[in-house]
Amino acid sequence: MHKFDDQASKILLKVLSHTIERLSMDPPTLDYPKSVDFFEKNAPSLITEAGNSIDKVFDQYKNTIEQSIISADSPRNLSFIPAAPTKASMIFDLVVSAGSLNGVSWQEASGVVWVENQVIRWIADLVGFPEDAGGCFVAGGTNGNLSSLVVAREEHRKKHKDHSKRLAIICSDQTHSSVKSTAKVMDCDVIVVPTNDSFQLTRESIENELKVNSEKYQNFEVFAIVATAGTTNLGVID
């Protein structure tokens, strides 16, 4: 199982062949989700005491599982979360996977952390962040929202020692749903501010919401405002 033997070589050749076939699709097929009845008939469990041949497992993936998803890179995918990775990045994922790396810290993967820091520095320069700006990459926007709001809360607590009021986050009615989920995890309240006619969150709308509902929010202490650089529904920038 952990040695590169004839079986592993056979698997690798199958994977490479299929990867080339999939990457060469122009355009990629859209496909669609299937029913539970379909999977019960065409994709019975392959978890058995005796195990299964690589041919059987791979055939089920290629002919059933892979064709039962919506391909995020298809030009016909006009909803949910799109994806536009370059062919080079998808190919290099094979290399990274083979490296068996764990990019948790400098001790486990100093080279990877070094590269990550270079890319973060490049992005920070693009948006005009100072020289001491830093961070790390996370798996997606939800984790990013959680990480950034936790940092904002901790920075707020350092500067404000009075914790008698409920901490709150301000966001718009177009903000991604993960912000509200994050607030639940952090035990914070959320002040949802209506957007303008262009579906944007503005300083004026925030000030108006806090003024009109001052009594409602009198026991809240705002520690973060979530401004969106491309909303989920319309791609609007606050």
C-alpha atoms as a PDB file:
ATOM      1  CA  MET A   1       0.000   0.000   0.000  1.00  0.00           C
ATOM      2  CA  HIS A   2       2.820   2.423   0.828  1.00  0.00           C
ATOM      3  CA  LYS A   3       5.383   1.190  -1.690  1.00  0.00           C
ATOM      4  CA  PHE A   4       5.623   2.174  -5.329  1.00  0.00           C
ATOM      5  CA  ASP A   5       5.042  -1.263  -6.827  1.00  0.00           C
ATOM      6  CA  ASP A   6       3.393  -2.512 -10.021  1.00  0.00           C
ATOM      7  CA  GLN A   7      -0.051  -1.779  -8.591  1.00  0.00           C
ATOM      8  CA  ALA A   8       0.885   1.817  -7.765  1.00  0.00           C
ATOM      9  CA  SER A   9       2.415   2.213 -11.225  1.00  0.00           C
ATOM     10  CA  LYS A  10      -0.821   1.007 -12.829  1.00  0.00           C
ATOM     11  CA  ILE A  11      -2.859   3.460 -10.763  1.00  0.00           C
ATOM     12  CA  LEU A  12      -0.532   6.312 -11.696  1.00  0.00           C
ATOM     13  CA  LEU A  13      -0.799   5.604 -15.413  1.00  0.00           C
ATOM     14  CA  LYS A  14      -4.597   5.500 -15.167  1.00  0.00           C
ATOM     15  CA  VAL A  15      -4.665   8.770 -13.241  1.00  0.00           C
ATOM     16  CA  LEU A  16      -2.325  10.533 -15.662  1.00  0.00           C
ATOM     17  CA  SER A  17      -4.249   9.284 -18.680  1.00  0.00           C
ATOM     18  CA  HIS A  18      -7.571  10.418 -17.245  1.00  0.00           C
ATOM     19  CA  THR A  19      -6.128  13.748 -16.086  1.00  0.00           C
ATOM     20  CA  ILE A  20      -4.856  14.501 -19.591  1.00  0.00           C
ATOM     21  CA  GLU A  21      -8.246  13.553 -21.017  1.00  0.00           C
ATOM     22  CA  ARG A  22     -10.105  15.778 -18.541  1.00  0.00           C
ATOM     23  CA  LEU A  23      -7.780  18.768 -18.934  1.00  0.00           C
ATOM     24  CA  SER A  24      -8.020  18.511 -22.715  1.00  0.00           C
ATOM     25  CA  MET A  25     -11.809  18.911 -22.759  1.00  0.00           C
ATOM     26  CA  ASP A  26     -12.772  22.053 -24.648  1.00  0.00           C
ATOM     27  CA  PRO A  27     -15.164  22.946 -23.241  1.00  0.00           C
ATOM     28  CA  PRO A  28     -15.504  20.796 -20.101  1.00  0.00           C
ATOM     29  CA  THR A  29     -18.851  19.022 -19.828  1.00  0.00           C
ATOM     30  CA  LEU A  30     -21.338  20.595 -17.412  1.00  0.00           C
ATOM     31  CA  ASP A  31     -22.962  17.363 -16.134  1.00  0.00           C
ATOM     32  CA  TYR A  32     -25.598  17.428 -13.396  1.00  0.00           C
ATOM     33  CA  PRO A  33     -26.463  15.899 -10.004  1.00  0.00           C
ATOM     34  CA  LYS A  34     -28.135  12.485  -9.956  1.00  0.00           C
ATOM     35  CA  SER A  35     -30.745  10.973  -7.632  1.00  0.00           C
ATOM     36  CA  VAL A  36     -30.167   8.660  -4.684  1.00  0.00           C
ATOM     37  CA  ASP A  37     -31.873   5.876  -6.657  1.00  0.00           C
ATOM     38  CA  PHE A  38     -29.333   6.366  -9.439  1.00  0.00           C
ATOM     39  CA  PHE A  39     -26.395   5.960  -7.056  1.00  0.00           C
ATOM     40  CA  GLU A  40     -27.902   2.946  -5.317  1.00  0.00           C
ATOM     41  CA  LYS A  41     -28.152   1.281  -8.710  1.00  0.00           C
ATOM     42  CA  ASN A  42     -24.914   2.444 -10.324  1.00  0.00           C
ATOM     43  CA  ALA A  43     -22.547   3.132  -7.435  1.00  0.00           C
ATOM     44  CA  PRO A  44     -22.884   0.457  -4.756  1.00  0.00           C
ATOM     45  CA  SER A  45     -20.465   0.700  -1.874  1.00  0.00           C
ATOM     46  CA  LEU A  46     -16.967  -0.518  -2.697  1.00  0.00           C
ATOM     47  CA  ILE A  47     -15.962  -0.786   0.961  1.00  0.00           C
ATOM     48  CA  THR A  48     -15.551  -4.525   1.491  1.00  0.00           C
ATOM     49  CA  GLU A  49     -13.337  -6.880   3.467  1.00  0.00           C
ATOM     50  CA  ALA A  50     -11.768  -8.245   0.288  1.00  0.00           C
ATOM     51  CA  GLY A  51     -11.285  -4.863  -1.363  1.00  0.00           C
ATOM     52  CA  ASN A  52     -11.644  -4.136  -5.080  1.00  0.00           C
ATOM     53  CA  SER A  53      -9.443  -3.899  -8.121  1.00  0.00           C
ATOM     54  CA  ILE A  54      -8.205  -0.503  -9.232  1.00  0.00           C
ATOM     55  CA  ASP A  55     -10.072  -0.987 -12.509  1.00  0.00           C
ATOM     56  CA  LYS A  56     -13.407  -1.402 -10.725  1.00  0.00           C
ATOM     57  CA  VAL A  57     -12.851   1.572  -8.435  1.00  0.00           C
ATOM     58  CA  PHE A  58     -11.608   3.853 -11.186  1.00  0.00           C
ATOM     59  CA  ASP A  59     -14.391   2.864 -13.569  1.00  0.00           C
ATOM     60  CA  GLN A  60     -17.005   3.754 -10.965  1.00  0.00           C
ATOM     61  CA  TYR A  61     -15.392   7.140 -10.434  1.00  0.00           C
ATOM     62  CA  LYS A  62     -14.987   7.932 -14.126  1.00  0.00           C
ATOM     63  CA  ASN A  63     -18.343   6.655 -15.368  1.00  0.00           C
ATOM     64  CA  THR A  64     -20.583   7.503 -12.419  1.00  0.00           C
ATOM     65  CA  ILE A  65     -19.156   9.780  -9.736  1.00  0.00           C
ATOM     66  CA  GLU A  66     -17.364  12.297 -11.945  1.00  0.00           C
ATOM     67  CA  GLN A  67     -20.372  12.618 -14.230  1.00  0.00           C
ATOM     68  CA  SER A  68     -22.698  13.316 -11.307  1.00  0.00           C
ATOM     69  CA  ILE A  69     -21.316  16.719 -10.393  1.00  0.00           C
ATOM     70  CA  ILE A  70     -21.695  20.181 -11.857  1.00  0.00           C
ATOM     71  CA  SER A  71     -18.316  21.009 -13.371  1.00  0.00           C
ATOM     72  CA  ALA A  72     -17.359  24.355 -11.865  1.00  0.00           C
ATOM     73  CA  ASP A  73     -14.978  25.093 -14.745  1.00  0.00           C
ATOM     74  CA  SER A  74     -17.619  24.637 -17.441  1.00  0.00           C
ATOM     75  CA  PRO A  75     -18.548  27.836 -19.331  1.00  0.00           C
ATOM     76  CA  ARG A  76     -22.170  26.712 -18.974  1.00  0.00           C
ATOM     77  CA  ASN A  77     -21.950  26.877 -15.179  1.00  0.00           C
ATOM     78  CA  LEU A  78     -23.724  30.174 -14.508  1.00  0.00           C
ATOM     79  CA  SER A  79     -24.695  29.646 -10.881  1.00  0.00           C
ATOM     80  CA  PHE A  80     -23.274  28.700  -7.508  1.00  0.00           C
ATOM     81  CA  ILE A  81     -19.502  28.998  -7.190  1.00  0.00           C
ATOM     82  CA  PRO A  82     -17.564  29.266 -10.473  1.00  0.00           C
ATOM     83  CA  ALA A  83     -13.959  28.216 -10.870  1.00  0.00           C
ATOM     84  CA  ALA A  84     -11.367  29.429 -13.310  1.00  0.00           C
ATOM     85  CA  PRO A  85      -8.076  27.708 -12.458  1.00  0.00           C
ATOM     86  CA  THR A  86      -5.399  27.687 -15.112  1.00  0.00           C
ATOM     87  CA  LYS A  87      -4.464  24.366 -16.664  1.00  0.00           C
ATOM     88  CA  ALA A  88      -0.968  24.822 -15.242  1.00  0.00           C
ATOM     89  CA  SER A  89      -2.284  25.175 -11.679  1.00  0.00           C
ATOM     90  CA  MET A  90      -4.404  22.026 -11.968  1.00  0.00           C
ATOM     91  CA  ILE A  91      -1.458  20.073 -13.365  1.00  0.00           C
ATOM     92  CA  PHE A  92       0.812  21.292 -10.587  1.00  0.00           C
ATOM     93  CA  ASP A  93      -1.701  20.048  -8.017  1.00  0.00           C
ATOM     94  CA  LEU A  94      -0.474  16.576  -8.975  1.00  0.00           C
ATOM     95  CA  VAL A  95       3.077  17.598  -8.111  1.00  0.00           C
ATOM     96  CA  VAL A  96       2.075  19.127  -4.781  1.00  0.00           C
ATOM     97  CA  SER A  97       0.012  16.060  -3.840  1.00  0.00           C
ATOM     98  CA  ALA A  98       2.938  13.771  -4.603  1.00  0.00           C
ATOM     99  CA  GLY A  99       5.138  15.877  -2.316  1.00  0.00           C
ATOM    100  CA  SER A 100       3.100  14.794   0.740  1.00  0.00           C
ATOM    101  CA  LEU A 101       3.648  18.186   2.339  1.00  0.00           C
ATOM    102  CA  ASN A 102       2.098  19.636   5.469  1.00  0.00           C
ATOM    103  CA  GLY A 103       2.273  23.411   5.264  1.00  0.00           C
ATOM    104  CA  VAL A 104       1.332  24.070   8.892  1.00  0.00           C
ATOM    105  CA  SER A 105       4.530  25.798   9.963  1.00  0.00           C
ATOM    106  CA  TRP A 106       8.155  26.521   9.100  1.00  0.00           C
ATOM    107  CA  GLN A 107       9.258  23.332  10.866  1.00  0.00           C
ATOM    108  CA  GLU A 108       7.188  21.031   8.644  1.00  0.00           C
ATOM    109  CA  ALA A 109       7.442  22.923   5.361  1.00  0.00           C
ATOM    110  CA  SER A 110       9.826  25.868   5.386  1.00  0.00           C
ATOM    111  CA  GLY A 111      10.005  25.975   1.581  1.00  0.00           C
ATOM    112  CA  VAL A 112       6.244  26.094   1.206  1.00  0.00           C
ATOM    113  CA  VAL A 113       5.885  28.765   3.901  1.00  0.00           C
ATOM    114  CA  TRP A 114       8.603  30.798   2.177  1.00  0.00           C
ATOM    115  CA  VAL A 115       6.691  30.684  -1.120  1.00  0.00           C
ATOM    116  CA  GLU A 116       3.402  31.478   0.642  1.00  0.00           C
ATOM    117  CA  ASN A 117       4.954  34.550   2.254  1.00  0.00           C
ATOM    118  CA  GLN A 118       6.259  35.737  -1.111  1.00  0.00           C
ATOM    119  CA  VAL A 119       2.788  35.517  -2.661  1.00  0.00           C
ATOM    120  CA  ILE A 120       1.187  37.239   0.341  1.00  0.00           C
ATOM    121  CA  ARG A 121       3.749  40.040   0.074  1.00  0.00           C
ATOM    122  CA  TRP A 122       2.938  40.425  -3.627  1.00  0.00           C
ATOM    123  CA  ILE A 123      -0.808  40.637  -2.910  1.00  0.00           C
ATOM    124  CA  ALA A 124      -0.225  43.073  -0.031  1.00  0.00           C
ATOM    125  CA  ASP A 125       1.782  45.333  -2.339  1.00  0.00           C
ATOM    126  CA  LEU A 126      -0.970  45.219  -4.970  1.00  0.00           C
ATOM    127  CA  VAL A 127      -3.566  46.545  -2.523  1.00  0.00           C
ATOM    128  CA  GLY A 128      -1.211  49.001  -0.822  1.00  0.00           C
ATOM    129  CA  PHE A 129      -0.794  47.293   2.554  1.00  0.00           C
ATOM    130  CA  PRO A 130       2.210  48.310   4.724  1.00  0.00           C
ATOM    131  CA  GLU A 131       5.512  46.442   4.906  1.00  0.00           C
ATOM    132  CA  ASP A 132       4.576  44.678   8.147  1.00  0.00           C
ATOM    133  CA  ALA A 133       1.378  43.201   6.663  1.00  0.00           C
ATOM    134  CA  GLY A 134       1.190  39.420   6.778  1.00  0.00           C
ATOM    135  CA  GLY A 135      -1.150  36.469   6.885  1.00  0.00           C
ATOM    136  CA  CYS A 136      -1.696  33.009   5.497  1.00  0.00           C
ATOM    137  CA  PHE A 137      -3.812  31.297   2.881  1.00  0.00           C
ATOM    138  CA  VAL A 138      -6.923  29.402   3.963  1.00  0.00           C
ATOM    139  CA  ALA A 139      -9.156  26.909   2.189  1.00  0.00           C
ATOM    140  CA  GLY A 140     -11.889  29.368   1.218  1.00  0.00           C
ATOM    141  CA  GLY A 141     -13.887  32.509   1.906  1.00  0.00           C
ATOM    142  CA  THR A 142     -15.729  31.119   4.930  1.00  0.00           C
ATOM    143  CA  ASN A 143     -12.476  30.279   6.714  1.00  0.00           C
ATOM    144  CA  GLY A 144     -11.093  33.634   5.632  1.00  0.00           C
ATOM    145  CA  ASN A 145     -14.048  35.492   7.151  1.00  0.00           C
ATOM    146  CA  LEU A 146     -13.713  33.554  10.397  1.00  0.00           C
ATOM    147  CA  SER A 147      -9.963  34.182  10.628  1.00  0.00           C
ATOM    148  CA  SER A 148     -10.182  37.900   9.884  1.00  0.00           C
ATOM    149  CA  LEU A 149     -13.087  38.556  12.252  1.00  0.00           C
ATOM    150  CA  VAL A 150     -11.386  36.683  15.091  1.00  0.00           C
ATOM    151  CA  VAL A 151      -8.299  38.856  14.553  1.00  0.00           C
ATOM    152  CA  ALA A 152     -10.491  41.978  14.531  1.00  0.00           C
ATOM    153  CA  ARG A 153     -12.133  40.933  17.797  1.00  0.00           C
ATOM    154  CA  GLU A 154      -8.812  40.256  19.509  1.00  0.00           C
ATOM    155  CA  GLU A 155      -7.376  43.591  18.364  1.00  0.00           C
ATOM    156  CA  HIS A 156     -10.502  45.331  19.643  1.00  0.00           C
ATOM    157  CA  ARG A 157     -10.196  43.646  23.037  1.00  0.00           C
ATOM    158  CA  LYS A 158      -6.587  44.774  23.359  1.00  0.00           C
ATOM    159  CA  LYS A 159      -7.638  48.400  22.944  1.00  0.00           C
ATOM    160  CA  HIS A 160     -10.925  48.282  24.888  1.00  0.00           C
ATOM    161  CA  LYS A 161     -10.828  46.738  28.348  1.00  0.00           C
ATOM    162  CA  ASP A 162     -14.523  47.279  29.113  1.00  0.00           C
ATOM    163  CA  HIS A 163     -16.327  44.145  27.914  1.00  0.00           C
ATOM    164  CA  SER A 164     -19.717  44.884  29.433  1.00  0.00           C
ATOM    165  CA  LYS A 165     -21.445  45.339  26.060  1.00  0.00           C
ATOM    166  CA  ARG A 166     -22.252  42.730  23.421  1.00  0.00           C
ATOM    167  CA  LEU A 167     -19.744  42.706  20.586  1.00  0.00           C
ATOM    168  CA  ALA A 168     -21.273  43.178  17.155  1.00  0.00           C
ATOM    169  CA  ILE A 169     -20.374  43.034  13.475  1.00  0.00           C
ATOM    170  CA  ILE A 170     -21.830  45.355  10.849  1.00  0.00           C
ATOM    171  CA  CYS A 171     -22.531  43.966   7.392  1.00  0.00           C
ATOM    172  CA  SER A 172     -24.916  44.584   4.514  1.00  0.00           C
ATOM    173  CA  ASP A 173     -27.963  42.626   3.410  1.00  0.00           C
ATOM    174  CA  GLN A 174     -25.831  41.365   0.500  1.00  0.00           C
ATOM    175  CA  THR A 175     -23.016  39.951   2.643  1.00  0.00           C
ATOM    176  CA  HIS A 176     -22.149  36.265   2.308  1.00  0.00           C
ATOM    177  CA  SER A 177     -24.066  34.002   4.688  1.00  0.00           C
ATOM    178  CA  SER A 178     -20.826  32.766   6.262  1.00  0.00           C
ATOM    179  CA  VAL A 179     -20.485  36.066   8.145  1.00  0.00           C
ATOM    180  CA  LYS A 180     -23.644  35.341  10.135  1.00  0.00           C
ATOM    181  CA  SER A 181     -22.460  31.779  10.749  1.00  0.00           C
ATOM    182  CA  THR A 182     -19.110  33.129  11.905  1.00  0.00           C
ATOM    183  CA  ALA A 183     -20.865  35.488  14.312  1.00  0.00           C
ATOM    184  CA  LYS A 184     -22.678  32.519  15.868  1.00  0.00           C
ATOM    185  CA  VAL A 185     -19.397  30.671  16.342  1.00  0.00           C
ATOM    186  CA  MET A 186     -17.855  33.784  17.919  1.00  0.00           C
ATOM    187  CA  ASP A 187     -20.975  34.527  20.017  1.00  0.00           C
ATOM    188  CA  CYS A 188     -21.307  37.983  18.469  1.00  0.00           C
ATOM    189  CA  ASP A 189     -24.313  39.898  17.193  1.00  0.00           C
ATOM    190  CA  VAL A 190     -24.803  41.051  13.611  1.00  0.00           C
ATOM    191  CA  ILE A 191     -26.174  44.431  12.569  1.00  0.00           C
ATOM    192  CA  VAL A 192     -27.494  44.074   9.022  1.00  0.00           C
ATOM    193  CA  VAL A 193     -27.537  47.393   7.156  1.00  0.00           C
ATOM    194  CA  PRO A 194     -29.737  47.868   4.056  1.00  0.00           C
ATOM    195  CA  THR A 195     -27.805  48.618   0.870  1.00  0.00           C
ATOM    196  CA  ASN A 196     -28.436  51.497  -1.526  1.00  0.00           C
ATOM    197  CA  ASP A 197     -30.069  51.295  -4.957  1.00  0.00           C
ATOM    198  CA  SER A 198     -26.827  49.850  -6.349  1.00  0.00           C
ATOM    199  CA  PHE A 199     -26.788  47.151  -3.637  1.00  0.00           C
ATOM    200  CA  GLN A 200     -23.746  48.737  -1.988  1.00  0.00           C
ATOM    201  CA  LEU A 201     -22.938  49.203   1.678  1.00  0.00           C
ATOM    202  CA  THR A 202     -22.005  52.843   2.330  1.00  0.00           C
ATOM    203  CA  ARG A 203     -20.814  54.896   5.273  1.00  0.00           C
ATOM    204  CA  GLU A 204     -24.007  56.948   5.117  1.00  0.00           C
ATOM    205  CA  SER A 205     -26.222  53.856   5.308  1.00  0.00           C
ATOM    206  CA  ILE A 206     -24.281  52.554   8.320  1.00  0.00           C
ATOM    207  CA  GLU A 207     -24.516  55.866  10.164  1.00  0.00           C
ATOM    208  CA  ASN A 208     -28.225  56.105   9.385  1.00  0.00           C
ATOM    209  CA  GLU A 209     -28.932  52.569  10.628  1.00  0.00           C
ATOM    210  CA  LEU A 210     -27.119  53.199  13.913  1.00  0.00           C
ATOM    211  CA  LYS A 211     -28.842  56.568  14.392  1.00  0.00           C
ATOM    212  CA  VAL A 212     -32.383  55.451  13.579  1.00  0.00           C
ATOM    213  CA  ASN A 213     -32.080  52.337  15.756  1.00  0.00           C
ATOM    214  CA  SER A 214     -29.833  53.794  18.452  1.00  0.00           C
ATOM    215  CA  GLU A 215     -31.980  52.431  21.269  1.00  0.00           C
ATOM    216  CA  LYS A 216     -31.917  48.941  19.765  1.00  0.00           C
ATOM    217  CA  TYR A 217     -28.124  48.962  19.517  1.00  0.00           C
ATOM    218  CA  GLN A 218     -27.295  50.812  22.744  1.00  0.00           C
ATOM    219  CA  ASN A 219     -25.865  47.689  24.374  1.00  0.00           C
ATOM    220  CA  PHE A 220     -23.814  46.723  21.314  1.00  0.00           C
ATOM    221  CA  GLU A 221     -20.161  47.518  20.731  1.00  0.00           C
ATOM    222  CA  VAL A 222     -19.162  47.295  17.070  1.00  0.00           C
ATOM    223  CA  PHE A 223     -15.693  45.857  16.492  1.00  0.00           C
ATOM    224  CA  ALA A 224     -15.781  45.212  12.730  1.00  0.00           C
ATOM    225  CA  ILE A 225     -17.476  46.304   9.521  1.00  0.00           C
ATOM    226  CA  VAL A 226     -17.585  43.689   6.770  1.00  0.00           C
ATOM    227  CA  ALA A 227     -17.189  45.364   3.376  1.00  0.00           C
ATOM    228  CA  THR A 228     -17.482  43.030   0.398  1.00  0.00           C
ATOM    229  CA  ALA A 229     -15.237  43.292  -2.664  1.00  0.00           C
ATOM    230  CA  GLY A 230     -17.636  41.447  -4.935  1.00  0.00           C
ATOM    231  CA  THR A 231     -20.923  40.235  -3.456  1.00  0.00           C
ATOM    232  CA  THR A 232     -22.078  36.660  -4.041  1.00  0.00           C
ATOM    233  CA  ASN A 233     -25.235  37.529  -5.959  1.00  0.00           C
ATOM    234  CA  LEU A 234     -24.176  40.473  -8.130  1.00  0.00           C
ATOM    235  CA  GLY A 235     -20.428  40.987  -7.703  1.00  0.00           C
ATOM    236  CA  VAL A 236     -20.992  44.476  -6.263  1.00  0.00           C
ATOM    237  CA  ILE A 237     -18.101  46.182  -4.455  1.00  0.00           C
ATOM    238  CA  ASP A 238     -18.990  48.059  -1.261  1.00  0.00           C
END
